[in-house]
Amino acid sequence: MKKTAQLRDYVDDWQAFQQRARDALELASLGDEDLRADIEQERDELLQELERKETQAQLSGPYDRDSAILAIHAGAGGTDSQDWAQMLLRMYLRWSERHGFDVDIIDQSDGEEAGIKSATLTIDGEYAYGYLRSEKGVHRLVRISPFDSSHRRHTSFALVEVLPQVEAEDDIVIDPNDLRIDTYRSAGAGGQNVQKNETAIRITHLPTGIVVTCQNERSQVQNKENAMRVLRARLMDLKQRQQEEEIAEIRGDYVKAEWGSQIRSYILHPYQMVKDHRTDYEVGNPSAVLDGDLDGFIDTYLKASIGQSN
């Protein structure tokens, strides 16, 4: 029923767009100069809407319409990498805000001096996973380190994970006997109640060794619910990757993914550029990208993915 409702909305939306285009053409055919400005504005709005629809038409994966879980992990490099992880967190928060998605940081581990060691956030909204799956991988930053008294250039790495939020529990069945659940006091923000009581949750899935923590909510029940959402998403991702690896091994083209293969480089010194190594798409304004302007990278990646699948 959910799938049927989604398809009905999808068709209705395209039919409404088609009718809007017909109405604009009919007005234009009248040749009335008094309507010229209105017609040109409508044309521009229709072209923008068409571009958005073209991008969404490329999001045809089984979970592309779903909400997303995004996790950021600082790599080797100490304080610089932890600061870089926090910069990425801000970038994705800004991008989500631009697109009207609801974001909730459900777990965050702060660095000792600055930045974060890791953060997990839920991004709720239609197509959130479809857009953000292009961000999965290692992100590399090159800059003059603000934490180096000698002002040397440093390279920092952070890993971004993107998972679909699995709503149907039938997709992933979790045996309660396979779980070890520990509680502890939160080390993050959240008020006096969070600090005094054991509201934070750590869930270990014994068969796979997957560990999920959530500590940002005031209630232990809420943290447990969020942790189970993340666990289901990680188990779904593991299942998909195992299937893809089996298929790739049969084809003979399986290559194991390694930490060092960055998908994108952000260069702040000696020149300024952000380049995606999968598509060769690049821009010369890192400040705009780090402020959430990711649509060019996302659109180019989606178009390249469609071309590869064809």
C-alpha atoms as a PDB file:
ATOM      1  CA  MET A   1       0.000   0.000   0.000  1.00  0.00           C
ATOM      2  CA  LYS A   2       2.880   2.366   0.794  1.00  0.00           C
ATOM      3  CA  LYS A   3       4.481   1.649  -2.584  1.00  0.00           C
ATOM      4  CA  THR A   4       1.148   2.193  -4.365  1.00  0.00           C
ATOM      5  CA  ALA A   5       0.621   5.527  -2.606  1.00  0.00           C
ATOM      6  CA  GLN A   6       4.141   6.651  -3.544  1.00  0.00           C
ATOM      7  CA  LEU A   7       3.624   5.770  -7.199  1.00  0.00           C
ATOM      8  CA  ARG A   8       0.234   7.508  -7.257  1.00  0.00           C
ATOM      9  CA  ASP A   9       1.769  10.684  -5.810  1.00  0.00           C
ATOM     10  CA  TYR A  10       4.621  10.429  -8.327  1.00  0.00           C
ATOM     11  CA  VAL A  11       2.241  10.185 -11.314  1.00  0.00           C
ATOM     12  CA  ASP A  12      -0.073  12.919  -9.990  1.00  0.00           C
ATOM     13  CA  ASP A  13       2.898  15.242  -9.538  1.00  0.00           C
ATOM     14  CA  TRP A  14       4.073  14.723 -13.129  1.00  0.00           C
ATOM     15  CA  GLN A  15       0.565  15.212 -14.513  1.00  0.00           C
ATOM     16  CA  ALA A  16       0.194  18.484 -12.599  1.00  0.00           C
ATOM     17  CA  PHE A  17       3.556  19.626 -13.960  1.00  0.00           C
ATOM     18  CA  GLN A  18       2.506  18.704 -17.494  1.00  0.00           C
ATOM     19  CA  GLN A  19      -0.723  20.688 -17.155  1.00  0.00           C
ATOM     20  CA  ARG A  20       1.192  23.686 -15.800  1.00  0.00           C
ATOM     21  CA  ALA A  21       3.488  23.585 -18.847  1.00  0.00           C
ATOM     22  CA  ARG A  22       0.494  23.408 -21.214  1.00  0.00           C
ATOM     23  CA  ASP A  23      -1.097  26.445 -19.533  1.00  0.00           C
ATOM     24  CA  ALA A  24       2.144  28.417 -19.898  1.00  0.00           C
ATOM     25  CA  LEU A  25       2.396  27.537 -23.599  1.00  0.00           C
ATOM     26  CA  GLU A  26      -1.207  28.569 -24.157  1.00  0.00           C
ATOM     27  CA  LEU A  27      -0.583  31.963 -22.535  1.00  0.00           C
ATOM     28  CA  ALA A  28       2.586  32.439 -24.578  1.00  0.00           C
ATOM     29  CA  SER A  29       0.721  31.694 -27.809  1.00  0.00           C
ATOM     30  CA  LEU A  30      -1.551  34.704 -27.185  1.00  0.00           C
ATOM     31  CA  GLY A  31       1.370  37.052 -27.870  1.00  0.00           C
ATOM     32  CA  ASP A  32       0.212  39.522 -25.215  1.00  0.00           C
ATOM     33  CA  GLU A  33       3.172  41.773 -24.294  1.00  0.00           C
ATOM     34  CA  ASP A  34       1.510  42.661 -20.970  1.00  0.00           C
ATOM     35  CA  LEU A  35       1.892  39.010 -19.928  1.00  0.00           C
ATOM     36  CA  ARG A  36       5.503  38.679 -21.086  1.00  0.00           C
ATOM     37  CA  ALA A  37       7.141  39.173 -17.666  1.00  0.00           C
ATOM     38  CA  ASP A  38       4.774  36.683 -15.980  1.00  0.00           C
ATOM     39  CA  ILE A  39       5.302  34.106 -18.725  1.00  0.00           C
ATOM     40  CA  GLU A  40       9.087  34.403 -18.509  1.00  0.00           C
ATOM     41  CA  GLN A  41       8.964  33.972 -14.724  1.00  0.00           C
ATOM     42  CA  GLU A  42       6.765  30.895 -15.127  1.00  0.00           C
ATOM     43  CA  ARG A  43       9.188  29.516 -17.741  1.00  0.00           C
ATOM     44  CA  ASP A  44      12.135  29.902 -15.363  1.00  0.00           C
ATOM     45  CA  GLU A  45      10.231  28.232 -12.523  1.00  0.00           C
ATOM     46  CA  LEU A  46       9.203  25.341 -14.790  1.00  0.00           C
ATOM     47  CA  LEU A  47      12.808  24.814 -15.917  1.00  0.00           C
ATOM     48  CA  GLN A  48      13.985  24.707 -12.284  1.00  0.00           C
ATOM     49  CA  GLU A  49      11.227  22.250 -11.426  1.00  0.00           C
ATOM     50  CA  LEU A  50      12.105  20.114 -14.452  1.00  0.00           C
ATOM     51  CA  GLU A  51      15.752  19.982 -13.368  1.00  0.00           C
ATOM     52  CA  ARG A  52      14.670  18.837  -9.897  1.00  0.00           C
ATOM     53  CA  LYS A  53      12.419  16.172 -11.405  1.00  0.00           C
ATOM     54  CA  GLU A  54      15.181  14.936 -13.706  1.00  0.00           C
ATOM     55  CA  THR A  55      17.410  14.413 -10.684  1.00  0.00           C
ATOM     56  CA  GLN A  56      14.664  12.590  -8.780  1.00  0.00           C
ATOM     57  CA  ALA A  57      13.965  10.409 -11.817  1.00  0.00           C
ATOM     58  CA  GLN A  58      17.489   9.041 -11.441  1.00  0.00           C
ATOM     59  CA  LEU A  59      16.733   7.970  -7.861  1.00  0.00           C
ATOM     60  CA  SER A  60      15.175   4.618  -8.655  1.00  0.00           C
ATOM     61  CA  GLY A  61      16.942   2.388  -6.114  1.00  0.00           C
ATOM     62  CA  PRO A  62      14.864   0.364  -3.634  1.00  0.00           C
ATOM     63  CA  TYR A  63      15.597   2.797  -0.772  1.00  0.00           C
ATOM     64  CA  ASP A  64      16.247   6.049  -2.637  1.00  0.00           C
ATOM     65  CA  ARG A  65      12.971   7.639  -1.511  1.00  0.00           C
ATOM     66  CA  ASP A  66      13.675   6.851   2.132  1.00  0.00           C
ATOM     67  CA  SER A  67      15.139   8.890   4.958  1.00  0.00           C
ATOM     68  CA  ALA A  68      18.830   8.464   5.745  1.00  0.00           C
ATOM     69  CA  ILE A  69      21.199   7.776   8.601  1.00  0.00           C
ATOM     70  CA  LEU A  70      24.526   9.536   8.166  1.00  0.00           C
ATOM     71  CA  ALA A  71      27.597   8.840  10.315  1.00  0.00           C
ATOM     72  CA  ILE A  72      30.920  10.690  10.307  1.00  0.00           C
ATOM     73  CA  HIS A  73      34.138   9.199  11.740  1.00  0.00           C
ATOM     74  CA  ALA A  74      37.407  11.117  12.142  1.00  0.00           C
ATOM     75  CA  GLY A  75      40.368   9.305  10.631  1.00  0.00           C
ATOM     76  CA  ALA A  76      44.021   9.192  11.608  1.00  0.00           C
ATOM     77  CA  GLY A  77      45.489  12.621  12.257  1.00  0.00           C
ATOM     78  CA  GLY A  78      44.396  13.496  15.776  1.00  0.00           C
ATOM     79  CA  THR A  79      42.934  16.944  16.380  1.00  0.00           C
ATOM     80  CA  ASP A  80      43.096  17.979  12.708  1.00  0.00           C
ATOM     81  CA  SER A  81      40.973  15.016  11.592  1.00  0.00           C
ATOM     82  CA  GLN A  82      38.532  15.552  14.459  1.00  0.00           C
ATOM     83  CA  ASP A  83      38.157  19.193  13.459  1.00  0.00           C
ATOM     84  CA  TRP A  84      37.656  18.064   9.848  1.00  0.00           C
ATOM     85  CA  ALA A  85      34.908  15.665  10.964  1.00  0.00           C
ATOM     86  CA  GLN A  86      33.135  18.554  12.670  1.00  0.00           C
ATOM     87  CA  MET A  87      33.445  20.671   9.502  1.00  0.00           C
ATOM     88  CA  LEU A  88      31.769  17.854   7.552  1.00  0.00           C
ATOM     89  CA  LEU A  89      29.022  17.616  10.174  1.00  0.00           C
ATOM     90  CA  ARG A  90      28.315  21.326   9.740  1.00  0.00           C
ATOM     91  CA  MET A  91      28.347  20.914   5.930  1.00  0.00           C
ATOM     92  CA  TYR A  92      25.692  18.194   5.994  1.00  0.00           C
ATOM     93  CA  LEU A  93      23.571  20.083   8.516  1.00  0.00           C
ATOM     94  CA  ARG A  94      23.615  23.128   6.225  1.00  0.00           C
ATOM     95  CA  TRP A  95      22.820  21.015   3.139  1.00  0.00           C
ATOM     96  CA  SER A  96      19.891  19.354   4.939  1.00  0.00           C
ATOM     97  CA  GLU A  97      18.581  22.726   6.080  1.00  0.00           C
ATOM     98  CA  ARG A  98      18.653  24.023   2.488  1.00  0.00           C
ATOM     99  CA  HIS A  99      16.565  21.067   1.321  1.00  0.00           C
ATOM    100  CA  GLY A 100      14.039  21.182   4.135  1.00  0.00           C
ATOM    101  CA  PHE A 101      15.019  17.871   5.739  1.00  0.00           C
ATOM    102  CA  ASP A 102      14.564  17.283   9.472  1.00  0.00           C
ATOM    103  CA  VAL A 103      17.852  16.413  11.191  1.00  0.00           C
ATOM    104  CA  ASP A 104      18.489  14.923  14.605  1.00  0.00           C
ATOM    105  CA  ILE A 105      21.984  14.229  15.986  1.00  0.00           C
ATOM    106  CA  ILE A 106      21.407  11.000  17.909  1.00  0.00           C
ATOM    107  CA  ASP A 107      25.011  10.311  18.944  1.00  0.00           C
ATOM    108  CA  GLN A 108      28.152  12.417  19.132  1.00  0.00           C
ATOM    109  CA  SER A 109      31.593  11.824  20.600  1.00  0.00           C
ATOM    110  CA  ASP A 110      33.609  15.014  21.061  1.00  0.00           C
ATOM    111  CA  GLY A 111      37.363  15.299  20.519  1.00  0.00           C
ATOM    112  CA  GLU A 112      39.706  16.012  23.411  1.00  0.00           C
ATOM    113  CA  GLU A 113      40.912  19.409  22.114  1.00  0.00           C
ATOM    114  CA  ALA A 114      38.541  20.286  19.270  1.00  0.00           C
ATOM    115  CA  GLY A 115      36.136  18.761  16.770  1.00  0.00           C
ATOM    116  CA  ILE A 116      34.428  15.386  17.057  1.00  0.00           C
ATOM    117  CA  LYS A 117      35.579  11.796  16.959  1.00  0.00           C
ATOM    118  CA  SER A 118      32.268  10.664  15.481  1.00  0.00           C
ATOM    119  CA  ALA A 119      28.650  11.689  15.021  1.00  0.00           C
ATOM    120  CA  THR A 120      25.505   9.907  13.890  1.00  0.00           C
ATOM    121  CA  LEU A 121      22.467  11.790  12.608  1.00  0.00           C
ATOM    122  CA  THR A 122      19.095  10.914  11.162  1.00  0.00           C
ATOM    123  CA  ILE A 123      18.010  12.930   8.119  1.00  0.00           C
ATOM    124  CA  ASP A 124      14.267  12.594   7.588  1.00  0.00           C
ATOM    125  CA  GLY A 125      12.555  13.454   4.335  1.00  0.00           C
ATOM    126  CA  GLU A 126      11.681  12.030   0.940  1.00  0.00           C
ATOM    127  CA  TYR A 127      14.737  11.105  -1.189  1.00  0.00           C
ATOM    128  CA  ALA A 128      17.206  11.932   1.632  1.00  0.00           C
ATOM    129  CA  TYR A 129      19.006   8.610   1.176  1.00  0.00           C
ATOM    130  CA  GLY A 130      18.881   8.798  -2.626  1.00  0.00           C
ATOM    131  CA  TYR A 131      20.672  12.138  -2.632  1.00  0.00           C
ATOM    132  CA  LEU A 132      23.114  11.435   0.178  1.00  0.00           C
ATOM    133  CA  ARG A 133      24.299   7.984  -0.889  1.00  0.00           C
ATOM    134  CA  SER A 134      26.715   9.816  -3.196  1.00  0.00           C
ATOM    135  CA  GLU A 135      28.524  11.071  -0.068  1.00  0.00           C
ATOM    136  CA  LYS A 136      29.500   7.619   1.215  1.00  0.00           C
ATOM    137  CA  GLY A 137      33.278   7.204   1.421  1.00  0.00           C
ATOM    138  CA  VAL A 138      36.494   8.866   2.593  1.00  0.00           C
ATOM    139  CA  HIS A 139      36.740  12.667   2.420  1.00  0.00           C
ATOM    140  CA  ARG A 140      40.215  14.266   2.357  1.00  0.00           C
ATOM    141  CA  LEU A 141      41.147  17.773   3.511  1.00  0.00           C
ATOM    142  CA  VAL A 142      44.430  19.578   2.727  1.00  0.00           C
ATOM    143  CA  ARG A 143      45.066  22.867   4.563  1.00  0.00           C
ATOM    144  CA  ILE A 144      47.413  24.826   6.815  1.00  0.00           C
ATOM    145  CA  SER A 145      46.656  23.342  10.214  1.00  0.00           C
ATOM    146  CA  PRO A 146      45.236  25.818  12.762  1.00  0.00           C
ATOM    147  CA  PHE A 147      46.592  23.469  15.460  1.00  0.00           C
ATOM    148  CA  ASP A 148      50.201  23.458  14.242  1.00  0.00           C
ATOM    149  CA  SER A 149      52.359  26.241  15.734  1.00  0.00           C
ATOM    150  CA  SER A 150      54.732  25.904  12.758  1.00  0.00           C
ATOM    151  CA  HIS A 151      51.847  26.536  10.315  1.00  0.00           C
ATOM    152  CA  ARG A 152      52.587  23.455   8.232  1.00  0.00           C
ATOM    153  CA  ARG A 153      50.254  21.913   5.696  1.00  0.00           C
ATOM    154  CA  HIS A 154      48.318  18.890   6.982  1.00  0.00           C
ATOM    155  CA  THR A 155      46.193  16.241   5.280  1.00  0.00           C
ATOM    156  CA  SER A 156      43.189  14.966   7.229  1.00  0.00           C
ATOM    157  CA  PHE A 157      40.726  12.162   6.511  1.00  0.00           C
ATOM    158  CA  ALA A 158      37.181  11.409   7.640  1.00  0.00           C
ATOM    159  CA  LEU A 159      34.866   8.562   6.738  1.00  0.00           C
ATOM    160  CA  VAL A 160      31.206   9.229   5.899  1.00  0.00           C
ATOM    161  CA  GLU A 161      28.675   6.395   6.107  1.00  0.00           C
ATOM    162  CA  VAL A 162      25.199   6.748   4.595  1.00  0.00           C
ATOM    163  CA  LEU A 163      22.493   4.181   5.316  1.00  0.00           C
ATOM    164  CA  PRO A 164      18.778   4.039   4.471  1.00  0.00           C
ATOM    165  CA  GLN A 165      16.404   4.100   7.412  1.00  0.00           C
ATOM    166  CA  VAL A 166      14.751   0.675   7.384  1.00  0.00           C
ATOM    167  CA  GLU A 167      11.106   1.213   8.317  1.00  0.00           C
ATOM    168  CA  ALA A 168       9.759  -2.292   7.689  1.00  0.00           C
ATOM    169  CA  GLU A 169      11.062  -4.553  10.448  1.00  0.00           C
ATOM    170  CA  ASP A 170      10.218  -7.560   8.270  1.00  0.00           C
ATOM    171  CA  ASP A 171      13.166  -6.627   6.032  1.00  0.00           C
ATOM    172  CA  ILE A 172      15.624  -7.252   8.864  1.00  0.00           C
ATOM    173  CA  VAL A 173      14.697  -9.699  11.630  1.00  0.00           C
ATOM    174  CA  ILE A 174      16.727  -9.232  14.809  1.00  0.00           C
ATOM    175  CA  ASP A 175      16.684 -11.934  17.464  1.00  0.00           C
ATOM    176  CA  PRO A 176      16.707 -10.282  20.927  1.00  0.00           C
ATOM    177  CA  ASN A 177      18.957 -13.114  22.095  1.00  0.00           C
ATOM    178  CA  ASP A 178      21.611 -11.862  19.642  1.00  0.00           C
ATOM    179  CA  LEU A 179      21.842  -8.496  21.418  1.00  0.00           C
ATOM    180  CA  ARG A 180      23.908  -7.316  24.367  1.00  0.00           C
ATOM    181  CA  ILE A 181      22.543  -4.019  25.699  1.00  0.00           C
ATOM    182  CA  ASP A 182      24.634  -1.864  28.038  1.00  0.00           C
ATOM    183  CA  THR A 183      23.668   1.432  29.668  1.00  0.00           C
ATOM    184  CA  TYR A 184      25.990   4.199  30.815  1.00  0.00           C
ATOM    185  CA  ARG A 185      26.024   7.896  31.637  1.00  0.00           C
ATOM    186  CA  SER A 186      26.076  10.225  28.691  1.00  0.00           C
ATOM    187  CA  ALA A 187      29.245  12.232  28.142  1.00  0.00           C
ATOM    188  CA  GLY A 188      27.581  14.777  25.868  1.00  0.00           C
ATOM    189  CA  ALA A 189      25.126  17.628  26.109  1.00  0.00           C
ATOM    190  CA  GLY A 190      21.528  17.107  27.076  1.00  0.00           C
ATOM    191  CA  GLY A 191      20.943  18.536  30.500  1.00  0.00           C
ATOM    192  CA  GLN A 192      21.403  17.478  34.088  1.00  0.00           C
ATOM    193  CA  ASN A 193      19.183  14.396  33.757  1.00  0.00           C
ATOM    194  CA  VAL A 194      21.380  13.005  30.984  1.00  0.00           C
ATOM    195  CA  GLN A 195      24.532  13.525  33.027  1.00  0.00           C
ATOM    196  CA  LYS A 196      23.222  11.992  36.283  1.00  0.00           C
ATOM    197  CA  ASN A 197      21.319   8.945  34.976  1.00  0.00           C
ATOM    198  CA  GLU A 198      22.374   6.054  32.770  1.00  0.00           C
ATOM    199  CA  THR A 199      20.416   7.174  29.723  1.00  0.00           C
ATOM    200  CA  ALA A 200      23.016   6.319  27.063  1.00  0.00           C
ATOM    201  CA  ILE A 201      22.683   2.969  25.259  1.00  0.00           C
ATOM    202  CA  ARG A 202      25.237   0.671  23.679  1.00  0.00           C
ATOM    203  CA  ILE A 203      23.890  -2.263  21.653  1.00  0.00           C
ATOM    204  CA  THR A 204      26.183  -5.029  20.428  1.00  0.00           C
ATOM    205  CA  HIS A 205      24.918  -7.424  17.761  1.00  0.00           C
ATOM    206  CA  LEU A 206      26.783 -10.553  18.768  1.00  0.00           C
ATOM    207  CA  PRO A 207      26.680 -12.507  15.451  1.00  0.00           C
ATOM    208  CA  THR A 208      28.236  -9.640  13.449  1.00  0.00           C
ATOM    209  CA  GLY A 209      30.050  -7.658  16.132  1.00  0.00           C
ATOM    210  CA  ILE A 210      28.297  -4.435  15.071  1.00  0.00           C
ATOM    211  CA  VAL A 211      28.213  -1.918  17.928  1.00  0.00           C
ATOM    212  CA  VAL A 212      25.782   1.016  18.011  1.00  0.00           C
ATOM    213  CA  THR A 213      25.684   3.786  20.615  1.00  0.00           C
ATOM    214  CA  CYS A 214      23.124   6.535  21.210  1.00  0.00           C
ATOM    215  CA  GLN A 215      23.332   9.114  23.992  1.00  0.00           C
ATOM    216  CA  ASN A 216      21.859  12.438  22.934  1.00  0.00           C
ATOM    217  CA  GLU A 217      18.282  11.927  24.124  1.00  0.00           C
ATOM    218  CA  ARG A 218      17.207  12.463  27.735  1.00  0.00           C
ATOM    219  CA  SER A 219      15.293   9.183  27.813  1.00  0.00           C
ATOM    220  CA  GLN A 220      16.882   5.735  27.829  1.00  0.00           C
ATOM    221  CA  VAL A 221      13.858   4.442  25.882  1.00  0.00           C
ATOM    222  CA  GLN A 222      14.374   7.049  23.137  1.00  0.00           C
ATOM    223  CA  ASN A 223      18.072   6.255  22.921  1.00  0.00           C
ATOM    224  CA  LYS A 224      17.292   2.544  22.633  1.00  0.00           C
ATOM    225  CA  GLU A 225      14.764   3.176  19.840  1.00  0.00           C
ATOM    226  CA  ASN A 226      17.295   5.285  17.939  1.00  0.00           C
ATOM    227  CA  ALA A 227      20.024   2.698  18.468  1.00  0.00           C
ATOM    228  CA  MET A 228      17.775  -0.037  17.063  1.00  0.00           C
ATOM    229  CA  ARG A 229      17.029   2.136  13.998  1.00  0.00           C
ATOM    230  CA  VAL A 230      20.759   2.487  13.351  1.00  0.00           C
ATOM    231  CA  LEU A 231      21.374  -1.231  13.979  1.00  0.00           C
ATOM    232  CA  ARG A 232      18.680  -2.262  11.480  1.00  0.00           C
ATOM    233  CA  ALA A 233      20.199   0.119   8.907  1.00  0.00           C
ATOM    234  CA  ARG A 234      23.709  -1.268   9.454  1.00  0.00           C
ATOM    235  CA  LEU A 235      22.491  -4.857   9.162  1.00  0.00           C
ATOM    236  CA  MET A 236      20.633  -3.995   5.950  1.00  0.00           C
ATOM    237  CA  ASP A 237      23.795  -2.359   4.571  1.00  0.00           C
ATOM    238  CA  LEU A 238      25.855  -5.430   5.537  1.00  0.00           C
ATOM    239  CA  LYS A 239      23.352  -7.704   3.793  1.00  0.00           C
ATOM    240  CA  GLN A 240      23.469  -5.582   0.618  1.00  0.00           C
ATOM    241  CA  ARG A 241      27.266  -5.447   0.573  1.00  0.00           C
ATOM    242  CA  GLN A 242      27.533  -9.214   0.990  1.00  0.00           C
ATOM    243  CA  GLN A 243      25.161  -9.730  -1.941  1.00  0.00           C
ATOM    244  CA  GLU A 244      27.100  -7.246  -4.096  1.00  0.00           C
ATOM    245  CA  GLU A 245      30.415  -8.903  -3.230  1.00  0.00           C
ATOM    246  CA  GLU A 246      29.052 -12.351  -4.111  1.00  0.00           C
ATOM    247  CA  ILE A 247      27.821 -11.080  -7.492  1.00  0.00           C
ATOM    248  CA  ALA A 248      31.109  -9.253  -8.150  1.00  0.00           C
ATOM    249  CA  GLU A 249      33.159 -12.355  -7.289  1.00  0.00           C
ATOM    250  CA  ILE A 250      31.094 -14.398  -9.745  1.00  0.00           C
ATOM    251  CA  ARG A 251      31.751 -11.755 -12.412  1.00  0.00           C
ATOM    252  CA  GLY A 252      35.427 -11.699 -11.504  1.00  0.00           C
ATOM    253  CA  ASP A 253      35.645  -7.962 -10.847  1.00  0.00           C
ATOM    254  CA  TYR A 254      35.446  -7.843  -7.060  1.00  0.00           C
ATOM    255  CA  VAL A 255      37.822  -5.312  -5.476  1.00  0.00           C
ATOM    256  CA  LYS A 256      37.782  -4.888  -1.712  1.00  0.00           C
ATOM    257  CA  ALA A 257      37.094  -1.327  -0.551  1.00  0.00           C
ATOM    258  CA  GLU A 258      39.956   0.094   1.504  1.00  0.00           C
ATOM    259  CA  TRP A 259      40.184   3.109   3.832  1.00  0.00           C
ATOM    260  CA  GLY A 260      42.673   5.050   1.711  1.00  0.00           C
ATOM    261  CA  SER A 261      40.521   5.396  -1.415  1.00  0.00           C
ATOM    262  CA  GLN A 262      39.057   8.881  -0.927  1.00  0.00           C
ATOM    263  CA  ILE A 263      36.071   9.907  -3.001  1.00  0.00           C
ATOM    264  CA  ARG A 264      36.615  13.660  -2.713  1.00  0.00           C
ATOM    265  CA  SER A 265      39.428  16.088  -1.897  1.00  0.00           C
ATOM    266  CA  TYR A 266      38.950  19.524  -0.359  1.00  0.00           C
ATOM    267  CA  ILE A 267      42.066  21.648  -0.989  1.00  0.00           C
ATOM    268  CA  LEU A 268      42.366  24.900   0.973  1.00  0.00           C
ATOM    269  CA  HIS A 269      46.159  25.356   0.490  1.00  0.00           C
ATOM    270  CA  PRO A 270      48.231  25.991  -1.661  1.00  0.00           C
ATOM    271  CA  TYR A 271      45.217  26.593  -3.918  1.00  0.00           C
ATOM    272  CA  GLN A 272      41.457  26.328  -3.433  1.00  0.00           C
ATOM    273  CA  MET A 273      39.471  23.526  -5.015  1.00  0.00           C
ATOM    274  CA  VAL A 274      37.086  20.694  -4.226  1.00  0.00           C
ATOM    275  CA  LYS A 275      37.300  17.715  -6.579  1.00  0.00           C
ATOM    276  CA  ASP A 276      35.285  14.493  -6.728  1.00  0.00           C
ATOM    277  CA  HIS A 277      37.631  11.709  -7.838  1.00  0.00           C
ATOM    278  CA  ARG A 278      34.817   9.484  -9.139  1.00  0.00           C
ATOM    279  CA  THR A 279      33.376  11.972 -11.619  1.00  0.00           C
ATOM    280  CA  ASP A 280      36.205  14.568 -11.942  1.00  0.00           C
ATOM    281  CA  TYR A 281      33.634  17.252 -11.096  1.00  0.00           C
ATOM    282  CA  GLU A 282      35.358  20.166  -9.353  1.00  0.00           C
ATOM    283  CA  VAL A 283      34.646  23.676  -8.102  1.00  0.00           C
ATOM    284  CA  GLY A 284      36.985  26.468  -7.048  1.00  0.00           C
ATOM    285  CA  ASN A 285      34.957  27.696  -4.063  1.00  0.00           C
ATOM    286  CA  PRO A 286      35.512  25.375  -1.064  1.00  0.00           C
ATOM    287  CA  SER A 287      33.791  27.842   1.275  1.00  0.00           C
ATOM    288  CA  ALA A 288      30.480  27.443  -0.564  1.00  0.00           C
ATOM    289  CA  VAL A 289      30.808  23.650  -0.567  1.00  0.00           C
ATOM    290  CA  LEU A 290      31.592  23.531   3.146  1.00  0.00           C
ATOM    291  CA  ASP A 291      28.556  25.758   3.661  1.00  0.00           C
ATOM    292  CA  GLY A 292      26.335  23.050   2.182  1.00  0.00           C
ATOM    293  CA  ASP A 293      26.459  23.669  -1.569  1.00  0.00           C
ATOM    294  CA  LEU A 294      26.723  19.995  -2.587  1.00  0.00           C
ATOM    295  CA  ASP A 295      24.094  19.750  -5.314  1.00  0.00           C
ATOM    296  CA  GLY A 296      26.577  19.929  -8.203  1.00  0.00           C
ATOM    297  CA  PHE A 297      28.538  16.968  -6.816  1.00  0.00           C
ATOM    298  CA  ILE A 298      25.373  14.985  -6.090  1.00  0.00           C
ATOM    299  CA  ASP A 299      23.766  15.596  -9.502  1.00  0.00           C
ATOM    300  CA  THR A 300      26.970  14.761 -11.398  1.00  0.00           C
ATOM    301  CA  TYR A 301      27.438  11.551  -9.412  1.00  0.00           C
ATOM    302  CA  LEU A 302      23.840  10.449 -10.033  1.00  0.00           C
ATOM    303  CA  LYS A 303      24.123  11.094 -13.780  1.00  0.00           C
ATOM    304  CA  ALA A 304      27.430   9.202 -13.919  1.00  0.00           C
ATOM    305  CA  SER A 305      25.885   6.298 -11.999  1.00  0.00           C
ATOM    306  CA  ILE A 306      23.026   6.082 -14.482  1.00  0.00           C
ATOM    307  CA  GLY A 307      25.512   6.075 -17.356  1.00  0.00           C
ATOM    308  CA  GLN A 308      27.515   3.237 -15.778  1.00  0.00           C
ATOM    309  CA  SER A 309      24.415   1.141 -15.128  1.00  0.00           C
ATOM    310  CA  ASN A 310      23.378   1.540 -18.758  1.00  0.00           C
END
